[in-house]
């Protein structure tokens, strides 16, 4: 019997550019099928059991990232697997080969033939910024070379392996992506509170996520949660991109970063207020 991850694989997509190294010139190369970015078949209990038993265990908030670091180190192949790099910064998907995994990054190289398609993630960047421009192969190669080939592991979708050998690894990365998209908050890593993340924060955040997805929450909660999460994710990615740019240039726009951080904190407060109001109302 085939695993759910195979049944829900992302279909191959026609690439729009490899002929002369420019994204934009059509050719016959297809974007390979990948494992799903989010496995909708995973239940509340499925995710809760793995997170509590294998990842977070008895971590306090500031220890959670270390828990994921160990979990990924033990379960994800360090090198020699292909992935689609879904770049928020450049607004395109690119086929790459992973050469090393060093949480929360992976070192990658662009594979031949160069395969690149536009995506909608560039909208997460500031209007008019690099995130709205599809880049050439030379641009992307230069970017990777300047950054020692490092990209965020969150932006990598493993290419489907028909043998099934990478199914387990794909599930680990899917859980990581789910957690850091919907459960983790940017300020959690600075939370030095003396309490367990799983007991105090994990269940309420997962509860509202699943109630919204299953339409078990009121329409007002569904609408509010969806809007806040959409705004939060956009601001968070803008912040990540600006942080990278500031590191590269050694001088970033401090005021812009600070404004983004303030916006993120405001959205987090709204999200947590909604989360706990919903949780306690059950």
Protein backbone atom coordinates (compact mmCIF):
# COMPACT_ATOMS: atom_id res chain seq x y z
CA UNK A 1 0.00 0.00 0.00
CA UNK A 2 1.32 3.40 -0.93
CA UNK A 3 1.86 5.91 1.86
CA UNK A 4 -0.29 9.02 2.12
CA UNK A 5 2.67 11.19 1.25
CA UNK A 6 2.87 9.57 -2.16
CA UNK A 7 -0.83 9.93 -2.83
CA UNK A 8 -0.68 13.62 -2.04
CA UNK A 9 2.47 14.40 -3.97
CA UNK A 10 2.68 17.68 -5.80
CA UNK A 11 2.42 17.13 -9.53
CA UNK A 12 5.15 18.06 -11.97
CA UNK A 13 5.02 21.64 -13.20
CA UNK A 14 6.21 22.98 -16.52
CA UNK A 15 9.35 25.06 -16.07
CA UNK A 16 9.75 28.37 -17.83
CA UNK A 17 13.38 28.83 -18.37
CA UNK A 18 16.59 26.99 -18.80
CA UNK A 19 17.46 27.45 -22.42
CA UNK A 20 19.96 30.28 -21.98
CA UNK A 21 20.14 30.38 -18.21
CA UNK A 22 17.30 32.89 -18.10
CA UNK A 23 14.06 32.16 -16.27
CA UNK A 24 11.38 33.33 -18.63
CA UNK A 25 12.35 31.55 -21.86
CA UNK A 26 10.12 28.50 -22.31
CA UNK A 27 11.50 24.98 -22.71
CA UNK A 28 10.43 21.38 -22.25
CA UNK A 29 11.98 20.82 -18.82
CA UNK A 30 9.43 19.96 -16.12
CA UNK A 31 9.57 20.78 -12.44
CA UNK A 32 9.74 17.40 -10.63
CA UNK A 33 6.97 16.18 -8.36
CA UNK A 34 7.58 16.79 -4.66
CA UNK A 35 6.26 15.55 -1.36
CA UNK A 36 3.42 17.78 -0.07
CA UNK A 37 4.30 21.01 1.70
CA UNK A 38 1.51 20.24 4.17
CA UNK A 39 0.02 16.78 4.68
CA UNK A 40 -3.68 17.44 5.30
CA UNK A 41 -4.24 13.80 6.32
CA UNK A 42 -2.29 14.33 9.56
CA UNK A 43 -4.61 14.54 12.54
CA UNK A 44 -4.26 16.51 15.77
CA UNK A 45 -3.21 13.32 17.58
CA UNK A 46 -0.75 12.34 14.84
CA UNK A 47 1.17 15.58 15.18
CA UNK A 48 0.79 15.93 18.94
CA UNK A 49 2.17 12.45 19.60
CA UNK A 50 5.31 12.94 17.51
CA UNK A 51 5.95 16.46 18.78
CA UNK A 52 5.57 15.49 22.44
CA UNK A 53 7.30 12.10 22.29
CA UNK A 54 10.11 12.69 19.78
CA UNK A 55 10.75 16.41 19.32
CA UNK A 56 9.78 18.81 22.06
CA UNK A 57 9.45 16.29 24.91
CA UNK A 58 10.12 18.39 28.05
CA UNK A 59 11.59 21.45 26.31
CA UNK A 60 11.01 24.93 27.64
CA UNK A 61 10.22 27.54 24.95
CA UNK A 62 13.82 28.64 24.41
CA UNK A 63 14.89 24.97 24.09
CA UNK A 64 12.42 23.99 21.37
CA UNK A 65 14.72 24.88 18.46
CA UNK A 66 17.43 22.67 19.95
CA UNK A 67 14.87 19.86 20.10
CA UNK A 68 14.10 20.27 16.41
CA UNK A 69 17.81 20.51 15.63
CA UNK A 70 18.40 17.08 17.22
CA UNK A 71 15.28 15.58 15.62
CA UNK A 72 16.30 16.69 12.14
CA UNK A 73 19.93 15.70 12.67
CA UNK A 74 18.81 12.16 13.56
CA UNK A 75 16.21 11.74 10.82
CA UNK A 76 17.22 13.79 7.77
CA UNK A 77 19.89 12.69 5.32
CA UNK A 78 22.75 15.16 5.35
CA UNK A 79 23.43 15.17 1.61
CA UNK A 80 22.70 13.85 -1.86
CA UNK A 81 18.95 14.41 -2.13
CA UNK A 82 17.12 16.68 -4.50
CA UNK A 83 14.62 19.34 -3.52
CA UNK A 84 12.67 22.25 -4.91
CA UNK A 85 13.89 25.45 -3.32
CA UNK A 86 10.77 27.62 -2.92
CA UNK A 87 12.42 30.99 -2.58
CA UNK A 88 10.45 33.76 -0.88
CA UNK A 89 13.23 36.21 -1.62
CA UNK A 90 13.32 35.68 -5.39
CA UNK A 91 9.75 34.54 -6.00
CA UNK A 92 10.71 31.37 -7.83
CA UNK A 93 11.05 27.60 -7.44
CA UNK A 94 14.42 26.10 -8.36
CA UNK A 95 15.55 22.47 -8.44
CA UNK A 96 18.60 21.99 -6.22
CA UNK A 97 20.68 19.21 -4.70
CA UNK A 98 21.29 19.24 -0.97
CA UNK A 99 24.96 19.00 -0.04
CA UNK A 100 24.71 19.46 3.71
CA UNK A 101 22.08 20.08 6.39
CA UNK A 102 22.97 22.34 9.27
CA UNK A 103 19.78 23.38 11.08
CA UNK A 104 18.06 25.70 10.30
CA UNK A 105 19.86 25.90 6.95
CA UNK A 106 20.87 23.56 4.15
CA UNK A 107 23.75 23.96 1.73
CA UNK A 108 22.52 23.45 -1.84
CA UNK A 109 23.70 23.55 -5.44
CA UNK A 110 21.61 24.22 -8.54
CA UNK A 111 21.20 21.05 -10.61
CA UNK A 112 21.53 20.67 -14.36
CA UNK A 113 19.55 21.19 -16.44
CA UNK A 114 18.58 24.44 -14.71
CA UNK A 115 14.87 24.29 -13.90
CA UNK A 116 13.04 27.34 -12.55
CA UNK A 117 9.41 28.49 -12.34
CA UNK A 118 7.83 31.57 -10.77
CA UNK A 119 5.89 31.24 -7.53
CA UNK A 120 3.61 33.54 -5.55
CA UNK A 121 5.95 33.69 -2.54
CA UNK A 122 7.70 36.80 -3.83
CA UNK A 123 4.61 38.65 -2.63
CA UNK A 124 5.90 38.09 0.90
CA UNK A 125 8.73 40.49 0.12
CA UNK A 126 8.36 44.25 0.00
CA UNK A 127 6.69 45.58 -3.18
CA UNK A 128 9.30 46.40 -5.76
CA UNK A 129 11.97 44.31 -4.01
CA UNK A 130 13.99 41.38 -5.30
CA UNK A 131 11.24 39.01 -4.26
CA UNK A 132 9.10 40.14 -7.21
CA UNK A 133 11.70 39.37 -9.87
CA UNK A 134 12.41 35.96 -11.33
CA UNK A 135 16.19 35.57 -11.42
CA UNK A 136 18.60 34.13 -13.96
CA UNK A 137 20.70 31.08 -13.27
CA UNK A 138 23.76 33.31 -12.89
CA UNK A 139 21.94 35.49 -10.34
CA UNK A 140 20.93 32.50 -8.24
CA UNK A 141 24.33 30.84 -8.50
CA UNK A 142 26.02 34.07 -7.39
CA UNK A 143 23.59 34.43 -4.49
CA UNK A 144 24.28 30.88 -3.34
CA UNK A 145 28.04 31.30 -3.75
CA UNK A 146 28.03 34.51 -1.71
CA UNK A 147 26.09 32.79 1.06
CA UNK A 148 28.15 29.59 1.01
CA UNK A 149 25.24 27.85 -0.68
CA UNK A 150 22.96 28.22 2.35
CA UNK A 151 19.17 28.46 2.16
CA UNK A 152 16.54 27.99 4.85
CA UNK A 153 15.53 24.37 5.33
CA UNK A 154 11.94 25.60 5.58
CA UNK A 155 12.10 26.58 1.90
CA UNK A 156 13.03 23.09 0.66
CA UNK A 157 10.47 20.56 -0.57
CA UNK A 158 12.06 17.12 -1.15
CA UNK A 159 11.64 15.74 -4.66
CA UNK A 160 9.43 12.65 -4.60
CA UNK A 161 11.41 9.41 -4.36
CA UNK A 162 9.40 6.61 -5.97
CA UNK A 163 11.42 3.98 -4.06
CA UNK A 164 9.95 5.25 -0.79
CA UNK A 165 13.39 5.56 0.79
CA UNK A 166 12.86 9.24 1.58
CA UNK A 167 9.25 9.00 2.78
CA UNK A 168 10.23 9.11 6.45
CA UNK A 169 12.56 12.06 5.90
CA UNK A 170 9.84 13.91 4.00
CA UNK A 171 7.44 13.40 6.93
CA UNK A 172 10.02 14.84 9.35
CA UNK A 173 10.48 17.93 7.18
CA UNK A 174 6.71 18.29 6.73
CA UNK A 175 6.23 18.30 10.52
CA UNK A 176 9.01 20.87 10.86
CA UNK A 177 7.38 23.06 8.21
CA UNK A 178 3.94 22.74 9.83
CA UNK A 179 5.27 23.60 13.28
CA UNK A 180 7.25 26.67 12.21
CA UNK A 181 4.43 27.95 10.01
CA UNK A 182 1.46 27.54 12.33
CA UNK A 183 2.63 26.85 15.89
CA UNK A 184 5.93 28.61 16.56
CA UNK A 185 6.01 32.34 17.25
CA UNK A 186 8.98 34.58 16.54
CA UNK A 187 9.25 35.68 20.19
CA UNK A 188 9.23 32.12 21.57
CA UNK A 189 12.98 31.71 21.20
CA UNK A 190 13.49 34.61 23.63
CA UNK A 191 10.99 33.24 26.15
CA UNK A 192 13.04 32.08 29.15
CA UNK A 193 9.98 31.10 31.17
CA UNK A 194 10.33 28.09 33.47
CA UNK A 195 7.52 26.00 31.96
CA UNK A 196 7.12 23.26 29.36
CA UNK A 197 6.21 24.37 25.84
CA UNK A 198 4.16 21.24 25.15
CA UNK A 199 1.96 21.67 28.22
CA UNK A 200 1.39 25.42 28.08
CA UNK A 201 1.58 26.50 24.43
CA UNK A 202 1.43 23.57 22.04
CA UNK A 203 -2.08 22.26 22.72
CA UNK A 204 -3.94 25.61 22.56
CA UNK A 205 -2.18 26.62 19.33
CA UNK A 206 -2.78 23.26 17.68
CA UNK A 207 -6.38 23.21 18.90
CA UNK A 208 -7.33 26.45 17.20
CA UNK A 209 -5.44 25.47 14.04
CA UNK A 210 -7.39 22.21 13.70
CA UNK A 211 -10.72 23.72 14.74
CA UNK A 212 -10.28 26.35 12.03
CA UNK A 213 -9.29 23.78 9.40
CA UNK A 214 -12.20 21.48 10.29
CA UNK A 215 -14.61 24.43 10.57
CA UNK A 216 -15.36 23.51 14.18
CA UNK A 217 -14.73 27.09 15.29
CA UNK A 218 -17.20 29.94 14.83
CA UNK A 219 -17.08 31.89 11.58
CA UNK A 220 -15.76 34.91 13.48
CA UNK A 221 -12.86 32.87 14.87
CA UNK A 222 -12.13 31.28 11.48
CA UNK A 223 -12.09 34.66 9.74
CA UNK A 224 -9.98 36.36 12.42
CA UNK A 225 -7.48 33.50 12.69
CA UNK A 226 -7.07 33.24 8.92
CA UNK A 227 -6.48 36.97 8.49
CA UNK A 228 -4.06 37.30 11.42
CA UNK A 229 -2.07 34.20 10.38
CA UNK A 230 -1.83 35.43 6.78
CA UNK A 231 -0.58 38.85 7.89
CA UNK A 232 1.75 37.26 10.44
CA UNK A 233 3.35 34.88 7.95
CA UNK A 234 3.87 37.70 5.45
CA UNK A 235 5.51 39.98 8.04
CA UNK A 236 7.63 37.16 9.40
CA UNK A 237 9.05 36.32 5.97
CA UNK A 238 9.66 39.98 5.23
CA UNK A 239 11.60 40.15 8.49
CA UNK A 240 13.66 37.04 7.65
CA UNK A 241 14.52 38.45 4.22
CA UNK A 242 15.50 41.86 5.60
CA UNK A 243 17.62 40.16 8.26
CA UNK A 244 19.49 38.25 5.56
CA UNK A 245 20.03 41.40 3.54
CA UNK A 246 21.26 43.28 6.62
CA UNK A 247 23.77 40.50 7.37
CA UNK A 248 25.04 40.49 3.79
CA UNK A 249 25.44 44.25 3.62
CA UNK A 250 26.73 44.52 7.20
CA UNK A 251 24.52 47.57 7.44
CA UNK A 252 20.82 46.99 7.26
CA UNK A 253 17.88 49.30 7.45
CA UNK A 254 17.54 49.15 11.23
CA UNK A 255 14.38 51.22 11.29
CA UNK A 256 12.63 48.96 8.80
CA UNK A 257 13.62 45.85 10.72
CA UNK A 258 12.44 47.41 13.94
CA UNK A 259 9.09 48.37 12.40
CA UNK A 260 8.60 44.85 11.08
CA UNK A 261 9.42 43.41 14.50
CA UNK A 262 6.90 45.71 16.18
CA UNK A 263 4.26 44.63 13.65
CA UNK A 264 5.10 40.97 14.29
CA UNK A 265 4.76 41.40 18.06
CA UNK A 266 1.39 43.13 17.67
CA UNK A 267 0.09 40.31 15.47
CA UNK A 268 1.39 37.71 17.92
CA UNK A 269 -0.54 39.37 20.75
CA UNK A 270 -3.71 39.34 18.67
CA UNK A 271 -3.13 35.70 17.75
CA UNK A 272 -2.48 34.58 21.32
CA UNK A 273 -5.51 36.46 22.63
CA UNK A 274 -7.72 34.77 20.04
CA UNK A 275 -6.09 31.38 20.67
CA UNK A 276 -6.62 31.35 24.42
CA UNK A 277 -10.10 32.83 24.26
CA UNK A 278 -11.07 30.01 21.89
CA UNK A 279 -9.25 27.39 23.96
CA UNK A 280 -10.84 28.39 27.28
CA UNK A 281 -14.24 28.63 25.67
CA UNK A 282 -14.21 24.92 24.89
